[in-house]
Amino acid sequence: MMYCTRVDKLDVSPTSMSGKASASVQAAFELFDDDSSDEETTTPLVTPHEVVHIVPTASTPSPAAKEEQKSTTEVTRSLYEPWDDVKPLAVGPIDLVTSFNSVGGSRGYVATRDLKPGTQVLVEQVYVPWPSDVETSDPEFFLATMESVLSRPDYAEIMEHLSHLYPEKLSELPEGLLSAGREKYGPQVDELSKNFSELALSHDQVLQNVFAMQCNAFDSGVFLYNAMFNHDCNPNCVKFTPEGAGPEGGVSEVRVARPIAKGEQLTISYLYPREQSRENRQKNLWEQFGFKCCCELCKRGDSVLHPLPSATEDNDGTKPGMPDLEKVLVGAEEIIKTNPESAADALSVALETLSDALEIVAHDHLVFMRIHKLVADSCDLLLRGKTERVCEYSILFLRSSYELLELQRTYLNPDHIDLARTLNDVSQGIQLLLSYDPEVLLTEFPEWKNFRQASVVENQYRQEYRRLKRMYE
């Protein structure tokens, strides 16, 4: 399996690596310095945690890997009788339990044996893909999808399959969510029923299917079997789109992210990105899925460390709160997604958000992972283009990746796939600066005393990355 590398093919020259950092970037370096004192980093933290996109290699698996896959994955095994005519592409050592208490739909997956990180547990083709001509942010998105379903000759079969998703009955929904849904969708559902009057569908039949899509929505559509995973803000499995799924992301794969004991429930995150504040997570889960999350991460909170005294004493109510900063992050993330040429703007926003966040929360707050990712991604794009500021962007890329890795080690299991990507980024960041200006590296990262020590550390990160990479192949 191959992982996306960021700075391995840069066309840089030694002279460009020696330029002085700009004022804005130098200020960013100071931000990183301010939140990493020796005393704070040695504080013991509780270890409890995009959609994650893993890109597999096209090479032929080794005989040992083939045998392991054969023993852990059963193809087209029945998981749920009502859907036997639309079985998954592959099923691992899991069973669907239909008697969970206090869980939406009372259903969920459990391990049939002890599972190691990297174990494949489900591969599934999308069942109802989202329409390509409607934005997911459109309030009528699910209604447009429902209209496309009703326009098909096999609409009855599709509606029957969707009817087994949560909520199987509208009465299963929390009263507030149902009321909001009736107000939001009611007139359009009536119109759909009228437009397709020959189908003789009741208002509630159509509304149930609309809610089934809303409460079981993934990035590229409705996946029936993926929908049976229950949510955890720090899940023990990761859902991703494998290479070869096509631009529409029509295939989903789920793998184990930490050791799971036989009989233990398997969970994924319903949220993307996962790195949201508890306030935002609770809000989004309630508004879309209708439940209040009580997972260990939500009980623990977004940080273990206390904010610096100045962060609370100086806040007179005029400073933005974390949800406000998250809205800013969404905008910056959208910038680099839709317009990579504006990466410098995204970087500026990310650094400003980092500064603001350090004034209101402790530096181990969950959302800092998201901020550091944005800084690193922005620097990656800038380094791939033509720039005279390779040195400062390289330092920022490495520093952000390094800080991200420390936070991931706090929240994630040591064998989590997210660590592999960040380890690779840190390794390549060190390689880049060692190759072109080791003095800059040693100045900016005084924890590494000399060239040899930095090389040893880089090799350790690279070997750990390869270990995790093999685990998920």
Protein backbone atom coordinates (compact mmCIF):
# COMPACT_ATOMS: atom_id res chain seq x y z
CA MET A 1 0.00 0.00 0.00
CA MET A 2 1.33 3.41 -0.97
CA TYR A 3 0.77 6.57 1.01
CA CYS A 4 0.63 10.09 -0.33
CA THR A 5 4.04 11.73 -0.02
CA ARG A 6 4.33 15.47 0.09
CA VAL A 7 7.83 16.82 -0.37
CA ASP A 8 9.80 13.99 -1.98
CA LYS A 9 9.94 15.44 -5.52
CA LEU A 10 10.68 19.10 -4.92
CA ASP A 11 12.85 21.04 -7.32
CA VAL A 12 14.81 23.19 -4.89
CA SER A 13 18.24 24.75 -4.90
CA PRO A 14 20.63 25.23 -1.97
CA THR A 15 20.53 28.99 -2.40
CA SER A 16 16.78 29.20 -1.99
CA MET A 17 16.99 27.33 1.30
CA SER A 18 18.99 30.00 3.04
CA GLY A 19 16.59 32.92 2.76
CA LYS A 20 15.41 34.66 5.89
CA ALA A 21 11.95 33.91 7.17
CA SER A 22 9.31 36.54 6.56
CA ALA A 23 7.79 38.36 9.52
CA SER A 24 4.54 36.42 9.34
CA VAL A 25 6.27 33.05 9.23
CA GLN A 26 8.70 34.05 11.96
CA ALA A 27 5.70 34.92 14.12
CA ALA A 28 4.35 31.47 13.39
CA PHE A 29 7.61 29.90 14.60
CA GLU A 30 7.18 31.78 17.86
CA LEU A 31 3.67 30.40 18.22
CA PHE A 32 5.04 26.87 18.08
CA ASP A 33 7.78 27.72 20.55
CA ASP A 34 5.33 29.19 23.04
CA ASP A 35 3.23 26.03 23.41
CA SER A 36 5.86 23.34 23.85
CA SER A 37 7.63 23.77 27.18
CA ASP A 38 9.38 20.73 28.67
CA GLU A 39 7.12 20.81 31.70
CA GLU A 40 3.96 20.73 29.63
CA THR A 41 5.04 18.01 27.22
CA THR A 42 5.88 15.64 30.06
CA THR A 43 2.43 15.94 31.63
CA PRO A 44 0.76 12.49 31.47
CA LEU A 45 -2.22 12.49 29.13
CA VAL A 46 -5.13 10.12 28.88
CA THR A 47 -4.90 8.01 25.71
CA PRO A 48 -8.35 7.06 24.65
CA HIS A 49 -9.76 8.74 18.34
CA GLU A 50 -11.62 10.60 8.10
CA VAL A 51 -13.26 9.86 6.18
CA VAL A 52 -9.60 8.51 5.97
CA HIS A 53 -8.25 7.92 2.48
CA ILE A 54 -5.66 5.16 2.22
CA VAL A 55 -4.18 4.58 -1.21
CA PRO A 56 -3.21 0.91 -1.77
CA THR A 57 -0.41 -0.13 -4.09
CA ALA A 58 -1.14 -2.02 -7.26
CA SER A 59 1.63 -4.54 -6.61
CA THR A 60 0.86 -8.22 -6.08
CA PRO A 61 0.48 -9.15 -2.39
CA SER A 62 2.99 -11.60 -0.95
CA PRO A 63 1.86 -15.21 -0.38
CA ALA A 64 1.80 -14.55 3.37
CA ALA A 65 -0.38 -11.48 2.88
CA LYS A 66 -2.73 -13.45 0.62
CA GLU A 67 -3.07 -16.17 3.24
CA GLU A 68 -3.74 -13.63 5.99
CA GLN A 69 -6.41 -11.92 3.87
CA LYS A 70 -7.98 -15.29 3.07
CA SER A 71 -8.20 -16.12 6.77
CA THR A 72 -9.62 -12.76 7.80
CA THR A 73 -12.00 -11.90 4.98
CA GLU A 74 -15.00 -13.90 3.82
CA VAL A 75 -16.42 -12.73 0.51
CA THR A 76 -20.20 -12.22 0.14
CA ARG A 77 -21.08 -13.76 3.50
CA SER A 78 -24.56 -12.82 4.63
CA LEU A 79 -24.67 -10.20 7.35
CA TYR A 80 -28.31 -9.14 7.31
CA GLU A 81 -31.04 -11.26 5.74
CA PRO A 82 -33.23 -8.42 4.38
CA TRP A 83 -30.24 -7.31 2.27
CA ASP A 84 -29.03 -10.70 1.05
CA ASP A 85 -29.64 -9.63 -2.55
CA VAL A 86 -27.19 -6.71 -2.12
CA LYS A 87 -24.36 -8.30 -0.16
CA PRO A 88 -21.07 -6.47 0.51
CA LEU A 89 -18.06 -7.09 -1.71
CA ALA A 90 -16.19 -8.57 1.25
CA VAL A 91 -16.93 -9.30 4.91
CA GLY A 92 -14.34 -9.87 7.62
CA PRO A 93 -14.61 -11.55 11.04
CA ILE A 94 -17.63 -9.56 12.25
CA ASP A 95 -21.28 -10.24 13.01
CA LEU A 96 -24.27 -7.91 13.07
CA VAL A 97 -25.97 -7.83 16.46
CA THR A 98 -29.58 -6.62 16.57
CA SER A 99 -30.05 -6.36 20.33
CA PHE A 100 -27.94 -3.39 21.43
CA ASN A 101 -29.61 -1.25 24.06
CA SER A 102 -29.60 2.56 23.92
CA VAL A 103 -28.25 2.56 20.36
CA GLY A 104 -30.10 3.95 17.34
CA GLY A 105 -31.69 0.98 15.61
CA SER A 106 -30.44 -1.36 18.38
CA ARG A 107 -27.91 -2.77 15.92
CA GLY A 108 -24.16 -2.84 15.48
CA TYR A 109 -21.17 -4.97 14.57
CA VAL A 110 -19.09 -7.06 16.97
CA ALA A 111 -15.83 -8.93 16.41
CA THR A 112 -16.12 -12.71 16.07
CA ARG A 113 -12.50 -13.07 17.22
CA ASP A 114 -9.65 -10.88 18.42
CA LEU A 115 -8.73 -8.42 15.67
CA LYS A 116 -5.39 -6.77 14.94
CA PRO A 117 -4.98 -3.25 13.55
CA GLY A 118 -5.15 -3.29 9.78
CA THR A 119 -7.65 -6.15 9.59
CA GLN A 120 -10.15 -5.62 6.78
CA VAL A 121 -13.71 -6.03 8.08
CA LEU A 122 -15.93 -4.68 5.29
CA VAL A 123 -15.80 -3.64 1.64
CA GLU A 124 -19.01 -2.32 0.12
CA GLN A 125 -20.31 -0.74 -3.07
CA VAL A 126 -22.39 2.42 -2.64
CA TYR A 127 -26.10 1.59 -2.77
CA VAL A 128 -27.69 5.01 -3.36
CA PRO A 129 -25.12 7.45 -4.80
CA TRP A 130 -25.76 11.14 -4.33
CA PRO A 131 -26.93 13.09 -7.39
CA SER A 132 -24.05 14.91 -9.04
CA ASP A 133 -26.07 18.00 -9.94
CA VAL A 134 -27.00 18.98 -6.36
CA GLU A 135 -24.63 20.37 -3.73
CA THR A 136 -24.56 18.45 -0.45
CA SER A 137 -25.05 21.77 1.35
CA ASP A 138 -28.38 22.28 -0.44
CA PRO A 139 -31.27 21.99 2.06
CA GLU A 140 -33.16 19.91 -0.51
CA PHE A 141 -30.26 17.51 -1.11
CA PHE A 142 -31.93 14.40 0.34
CA LEU A 143 -35.22 15.26 -1.36
CA ALA A 144 -33.44 15.48 -4.72
CA THR A 145 -31.93 12.07 -4.05
CA MET A 146 -35.35 10.70 -3.14
CA GLU A 147 -36.76 12.06 -6.39
CA SER A 148 -34.05 10.24 -8.35
CA VAL A 149 -34.94 7.02 -6.51
CA LEU A 150 -38.66 7.36 -7.28
CA SER A 151 -37.82 7.92 -10.94
CA ARG A 152 -36.24 4.47 -11.22
CA PRO A 153 -38.13 1.34 -12.28
CA ASP A 154 -36.74 -0.51 -9.24
CA TYR A 155 -37.81 2.22 -6.79
CA ALA A 156 -39.84 -0.23 -4.66
CA GLU A 157 -36.84 -2.48 -4.08
CA ILE A 158 -34.65 0.49 -3.16
CA MET A 159 -37.25 1.88 -0.77
CA GLU A 160 -37.63 -1.55 0.83
CA HIS A 161 -33.89 -1.75 1.46
CA LEU A 162 -33.76 1.79 2.82
CA SER A 163 -36.70 1.04 5.11
CA HIS A 164 -34.46 -1.29 7.16
CA LEU A 165 -32.10 1.55 8.02
CA TYR A 166 -32.56 3.67 11.13
CA PRO A 167 -35.21 4.93 11.66
CA GLU A 168 -37.28 1.92 10.60
CA LYS A 169 -40.24 3.82 12.01
CA LEU A 170 -40.55 7.58 12.32
CA SER A 171 -41.55 7.09 15.95
CA GLU A 172 -37.98 5.93 16.67
CA LEU A 173 -36.69 9.45 16.06
CA PRO A 174 -36.33 11.95 18.91
CA GLU A 175 -39.37 14.21 18.94
CA GLY A 176 -37.35 17.34 18.24
CA LEU A 177 -35.60 15.84 15.22
CA LEU A 178 -38.86 14.48 13.80
CA SER A 179 -40.62 17.82 14.24
CA ALA A 180 -37.76 19.68 12.59
CA GLY A 181 -37.79 17.16 9.74
CA ARG A 182 -41.52 17.46 9.17
CA GLU A 183 -41.15 21.23 9.01
CA LYS A 184 -38.09 21.08 6.76
CA TYR A 185 -39.17 18.31 4.39
CA GLY A 186 -42.97 18.23 4.73
CA PRO A 187 -44.07 20.45 1.80
CA GLN A 188 -41.52 18.91 -0.58
CA VAL A 189 -42.49 15.37 0.49
CA ASP A 190 -46.12 16.22 -0.28
CA GLU A 191 -45.04 17.50 -3.67
CA LEU A 192 -43.06 14.32 -4.37
CA SER A 193 -46.04 12.17 -3.39
CA LYS A 194 -48.21 14.22 -5.74
CA ASN A 195 -45.73 14.10 -8.62
CA PHE A 196 -45.45 10.33 -8.25
CA SER A 197 -49.09 9.72 -7.37
CA GLU A 198 -49.17 6.59 -9.54
CA LEU A 199 -46.84 4.93 -7.01
CA ALA A 200 -49.46 5.31 -4.25
CA LEU A 201 -46.88 6.18 -1.59
CA SER A 202 -47.91 7.71 1.71
CA HIS A 203 -46.31 10.87 3.07
CA ASP A 204 -44.68 8.94 5.92
CA GLN A 205 -43.28 6.26 3.61
CA VAL A 206 -41.39 8.88 1.65
CA LEU A 207 -40.39 10.81 4.77
CA GLN A 208 -39.00 7.64 6.38
CA ASN A 209 -36.76 7.05 3.38
CA VAL A 210 -35.60 10.68 3.45
CA PHE A 211 -34.69 10.34 7.13
CA ALA A 212 -33.00 6.99 6.40
CA MET A 213 -30.72 8.81 3.97
CA GLN A 214 -30.12 11.74 6.33
CA CYS A 215 -29.29 9.51 9.30
CA ASN A 216 -27.06 7.17 7.30
CA ALA A 217 -25.33 9.57 4.92
CA PHE A 218 -21.69 9.17 3.92
CA ASP A 219 -19.58 11.27 1.57
CA SER A 220 -20.56 9.60 -1.69
CA GLY A 221 -23.97 8.15 -0.84
CA VAL A 222 -25.82 5.59 1.25
CA PHE A 223 -23.88 2.43 2.10
CA LEU A 224 -26.31 -0.04 3.67
CA TYR A 225 -23.80 -2.13 5.60
CA ASN A 226 -21.54 0.77 6.59
CA ALA A 227 -24.63 2.36 8.12
CA MET A 228 -24.77 -0.48 10.65
CA PHE A 229 -21.55 0.65 12.31
CA ASN A 230 -22.26 2.75 15.38
CA HIS A 231 -20.46 6.03 16.01
CA ASP A 232 -17.59 6.88 18.31
CA CYS A 233 -15.70 10.17 18.23
CA ASN A 234 -12.50 8.14 18.71
CA PRO A 235 -13.48 4.96 16.83
CA ASN A 236 -11.67 1.64 16.74
CA CYS A 237 -12.09 1.34 12.95
CA VAL A 238 -11.45 3.64 10.00
CA LYS A 239 -13.61 3.99 6.89
CA PHE A 240 -11.92 5.08 3.69
CA THR A 241 -12.16 5.09 -0.08
CA PRO A 242 -9.64 2.69 -1.65
CA GLU A 243 -7.75 3.42 -4.84
CA GLY A 244 -9.61 2.23 -7.90
CA ALA A 245 -12.99 3.28 -6.54
CA GLY A 246 -13.22 5.95 -9.22
CA PRO A 247 -13.66 9.73 -8.93
CA GLU A 248 -17.13 9.31 -7.41
CA GLY A 249 -15.82 7.23 -4.51
CA GLY A 250 -18.25 4.40 -5.12
CA VAL A 251 -16.53 1.82 -2.89
CA SER A 252 -15.96 1.99 0.86
CA GLU A 253 -13.56 -0.10 2.93
CA VAL A 254 -13.38 -0.41 6.73
CA ARG A 255 -10.33 -1.61 8.65
CA VAL A 256 -9.46 -2.03 12.30
CA ALA A 257 -7.46 0.87 13.80
CA ARG A 258 -6.56 -0.62 17.20
CA PRO A 259 -6.67 -4.08 18.83
CA ILE A 260 -10.29 -5.23 19.25
CA ALA A 261 -11.26 -8.12 21.51
CA LYS A 262 -13.67 -10.85 20.51
CA GLY A 263 -17.23 -9.69 21.23
CA GLU A 264 -16.25 -5.99 21.32
CA GLN A 265 -18.30 -3.57 19.25
CA LEU A 266 -16.74 -2.05 16.13
CA THR A 267 -17.21 1.69 15.60
CA ILE A 268 -16.47 4.35 13.00
CA SER A 269 -16.81 8.12 13.09
CA TYR A 270 -19.84 9.64 11.40
CA LEU A 271 -18.07 12.99 11.27
CA TYR A 272 -15.59 14.41 8.80
CA PRO A 273 -13.23 15.71 9.77
CA ARG A 274 -13.06 13.84 13.07
CA GLU A 275 -11.07 16.63 14.68
CA GLN A 276 -13.98 18.80 15.80
CA SER A 277 -14.60 20.31 19.21
CA ARG A 278 -16.98 18.45 21.49
CA GLU A 279 -19.46 21.31 21.15
CA ASN A 280 -19.44 21.01 17.37
CA ARG A 281 -19.53 17.21 17.42
CA GLN A 282 -22.54 17.13 19.71
CA LYS A 283 -24.33 19.75 17.63
CA ASN A 284 -23.70 18.02 14.30
CA LEU A 285 -24.53 14.54 15.58
CA TRP A 286 -27.79 15.75 17.08
CA GLU A 287 -28.92 17.80 14.09
CA GLN A 288 -28.21 15.13 11.49
CA PHE A 289 -28.44 11.83 13.34
CA GLY A 290 -30.57 12.67 16.35
CA PHE A 291 -28.44 11.37 19.21
CA LYS A 292 -26.22 12.72 21.95
CA CYS A 293 -22.80 11.09 21.93
CA CYS A 294 -21.61 9.68 25.25
CA CYS A 295 -18.34 8.13 24.06
CA GLU A 296 -15.21 8.23 26.20
CA LEU A 297 -13.76 11.18 24.29
CA CYS A 298 -16.92 13.23 24.81
CA LYS A 299 -16.89 12.35 28.51
CA ARG A 300 -13.21 13.24 28.82
CA GLY A 301 -13.30 16.47 26.87
CA ASP A 302 -11.16 17.93 24.11
CA SER A 303 -8.09 18.47 26.22
CA VAL A 304 -6.42 17.23 29.39
CA LEU A 305 -4.20 20.22 30.07
CA HIS A 306 -5.64 23.41 31.48
CA PRO A 307 -5.43 26.57 29.35
CA LEU A 308 -2.72 29.02 30.32
CA PRO A 309 -3.93 31.53 32.96
CA SER A 310 -3.76 34.33 30.41
CA ALA A 311 -6.13 32.42 28.13
CA THR A 312 -8.94 32.68 30.65
CA GLU A 313 -8.04 35.90 32.45
CA ASP A 314 -7.76 37.97 29.27
CA ASN A 315 -10.91 36.66 27.64
CA ASP A 316 -13.49 39.42 28.10
CA GLY A 317 -15.92 37.83 25.69
CA THR A 318 -14.55 39.63 22.65
CA LYS A 319 -12.26 36.78 21.58
CA PRO A 320 -13.69 34.17 19.21
CA GLY A 321 -14.67 30.82 20.68
CA MET A 322 -13.52 27.49 19.32
CA PRO A 323 -16.71 26.95 17.24
CA ASP A 324 -16.04 30.34 15.62
CA LEU A 325 -12.49 29.29 14.77
CA GLU A 326 -13.75 26.01 13.35
CA LYS A 327 -15.97 27.92 10.93
CA VAL A 328 -12.87 29.80 9.77
CA LEU A 329 -11.04 26.48 9.34
CA VAL A 330 -13.85 25.14 7.16
CA GLY A 331 -13.43 28.10 4.84
CA ALA A 332 -9.65 27.69 4.62
CA GLU A 333 -9.95 23.94 4.03
CA GLU A 334 -12.37 24.65 1.21
CA ILE A 335 -9.87 27.10 -0.29
CA ILE A 336 -7.10 24.55 -0.73
CA LYS A 337 -9.58 21.91 -1.87
CA THR A 338 -11.16 23.97 -4.65
CA ASN A 339 -8.37 26.43 -5.43
CA PRO A 340 -4.89 25.05 -4.59
CA GLU A 341 -3.31 28.17 -6.11
CA SER A 342 -4.61 30.07 -3.07
CA ALA A 343 -2.61 27.96 -0.62
CA ALA A 344 -0.83 31.07 0.67
CA ASP A 345 -4.18 32.51 1.74
CA ALA A 346 -5.10 29.25 3.46
CA LEU A 347 -1.74 29.23 5.26
CA SER A 348 -2.28 32.78 6.48
CA VAL A 349 -5.72 31.84 7.83
CA ALA A 350 -4.34 28.70 9.46
CA LEU A 351 -1.56 30.59 11.26
CA GLU A 352 -3.96 33.27 12.45
CA THR A 353 -6.35 30.58 13.70
CA LEU A 354 -3.48 28.87 15.48
CA SER A 355 -2.62 32.11 17.24
CA ASP A 356 -6.24 32.74 18.25
CA ALA A 357 -6.73 29.17 19.48
CA LEU A 358 -3.65 29.29 21.70
CA GLU A 359 -5.22 32.26 23.49
CA ILE A 360 -8.38 30.40 24.51
CA VAL A 361 -7.56 26.68 24.92
CA ALA A 362 -4.69 24.44 26.02
CA HIS A 363 -2.27 23.36 23.30
CA ASP A 364 -3.36 19.70 23.51
CA HIS A 365 -6.90 20.59 22.38
CA LEU A 366 -8.26 18.18 19.77
CA VAL A 367 -8.83 20.87 17.13
CA PHE A 368 -5.12 21.70 17.02
CA MET A 369 -4.69 18.49 15.01
CA ARG A 370 -6.92 20.00 12.36
CA ILE A 371 -5.06 23.31 12.43
CA HIS A 372 -1.64 21.67 12.11
CA LYS A 373 -2.94 19.55 9.22
CA LEU A 374 -4.09 22.70 7.44
CA VAL A 375 -0.71 24.40 7.96
CA ALA A 376 1.13 21.33 6.64
CA ASP A 377 -1.21 20.88 3.67
CA SER A 378 -0.89 24.55 2.74
CA CYS A 379 2.91 24.41 2.95
CA ASP A 380 2.89 21.22 0.89
CA LEU A 381 1.03 22.94 -1.94
CA LEU A 382 3.29 25.99 -1.75
CA LEU A 383 6.41 23.82 -1.85
CA ARG A 384 5.14 22.04 -4.95
CA GLY A 385 4.85 25.34 -6.76
CA LYS A 386 7.48 27.89 -7.67
CA THR A 387 8.49 29.80 -4.56
CA GLU A 388 11.50 31.65 -3.24
CA ARG A 389 10.47 30.85 0.32
CA VAL A 390 11.26 27.13 0.32
CA CYS A 391 13.21 27.35 3.56
CA GLU A 392 10.46 28.88 5.68
CA TYR A 393 7.70 26.75 4.17
CA SER A 394 9.80 23.63 4.75
CA ILE A 395 10.32 24.54 8.39
CA LEU A 396 6.62 25.24 8.86
CA PHE A 397 5.73 21.97 7.13
CA LEU A 398 8.04 20.00 9.40
CA ARG A 399 7.07 21.85 12.58
CA SER A 400 3.35 21.42 11.94
CA SER A 401 3.75 17.74 11.06
CA TYR A 402 5.85 17.24 14.19
CA GLU A 403 3.27 18.95 16.41
CA LEU A 404 0.49 16.97 14.72
CA LEU A 405 2.32 13.71 15.41
CA GLU A 406 2.63 14.53 19.11
CA LEU A 407 -1.11 15.23 19.34
CA GLN A 408 -2.01 12.09 17.39
CA ARG A 409 0.08 10.02 19.77
CA THR A 410 -1.99 11.48 22.59
CA TYR A 411 -5.37 10.64 21.08
CA LEU A 412 -4.76 7.65 18.81
CA ASN A 413 -3.60 4.09 19.24
CA PRO A 414 0.09 3.60 18.30
CA ASP A 415 -0.99 1.44 15.34
CA HIS A 416 -3.53 3.89 13.88
CA ILE A 417 -3.16 4.51 10.15
CA ASP A 418 -3.24 8.30 10.63
CA LEU A 419 0.13 8.06 12.39
CA ALA A 420 1.69 6.45 9.32
CA ARG A 421 0.95 9.46 7.16
CA THR A 422 2.27 11.94 9.68
CA LEU A 423 5.40 9.88 10.39
CA ASN A 424 6.10 9.90 6.67
CA ASP A 425 5.64 13.68 6.52
CA VAL A 426 8.00 14.27 9.45
CA SER A 427 10.58 11.93 7.94
CA GLN A 428 10.46 13.69 4.59
CA GLY A 429 10.53 17.13 6.20
CA ILE A 430 13.73 16.21 8.04
CA GLN A 431 15.25 14.73 4.88
CA LEU A 432 14.48 17.88 2.93
CA LEU A 433 16.15 20.24 5.38
CA LEU A 434 19.10 17.90 6.00
CA SER A 435 19.73 17.79 2.26
CA TYR A 436 19.68 21.52 1.63
CA ASP A 437 20.38 23.42 4.83
CA PRO A 438 21.11 21.30 7.92
CA GLU A 439 22.09 24.39 9.89
CA VAL A 440 18.58 25.78 9.54
CA LEU A 441 17.15 22.46 10.72
CA LEU A 442 19.39 22.33 13.79
CA THR A 443 18.67 25.97 14.61
CA GLU A 444 14.91 25.61 14.37
CA PHE A 445 14.87 22.19 16.08
CA PRO A 446 17.46 22.44 18.88
CA GLU A 447 16.26 19.11 20.31
CA TRP A 448 18.47 17.54 17.63
CA LYS A 449 22.06 18.41 18.56
CA ASN A 450 23.80 17.58 15.29
CA PHE A 451 23.42 16.21 11.79
CA ARG A 452 23.90 12.62 12.90
CA GLN A 453 21.25 12.79 15.63
CA ALA A 454 18.73 14.33 13.23
CA SER A 455 19.50 11.57 10.73
CA VAL A 456 18.95 8.89 13.37
CA VAL A 457 15.62 10.43 14.36
CA GLU A 458 14.56 10.64 10.71
CA ASN A 459 15.40 6.97 10.22
CA GLN A 460 13.36 6.01 13.29
CA TYR A 461 10.32 7.85 11.95
CA ARG A 462 10.78 6.28 8.52
CA GLN A 463 11.02 2.76 9.95
CA GLU A 464 7.92 3.29 12.10
CA TYR A 465 6.06 4.56 9.05
CA ARG A 466 7.04 1.42 7.12
CA ARG A 467 5.92 -0.80 9.99
CA LEU A 468 2.46 0.77 9.99
CA LYS A 469 2.33 0.74 6.19
CA ARG A 470 2.91 -3.02 6.14
CA MET A 471 0.20 -3.49 8.74
CA TYR A 472 -2.43 -1.98 6.45
CA GLU A 473 -1.26 -3.61 3.20
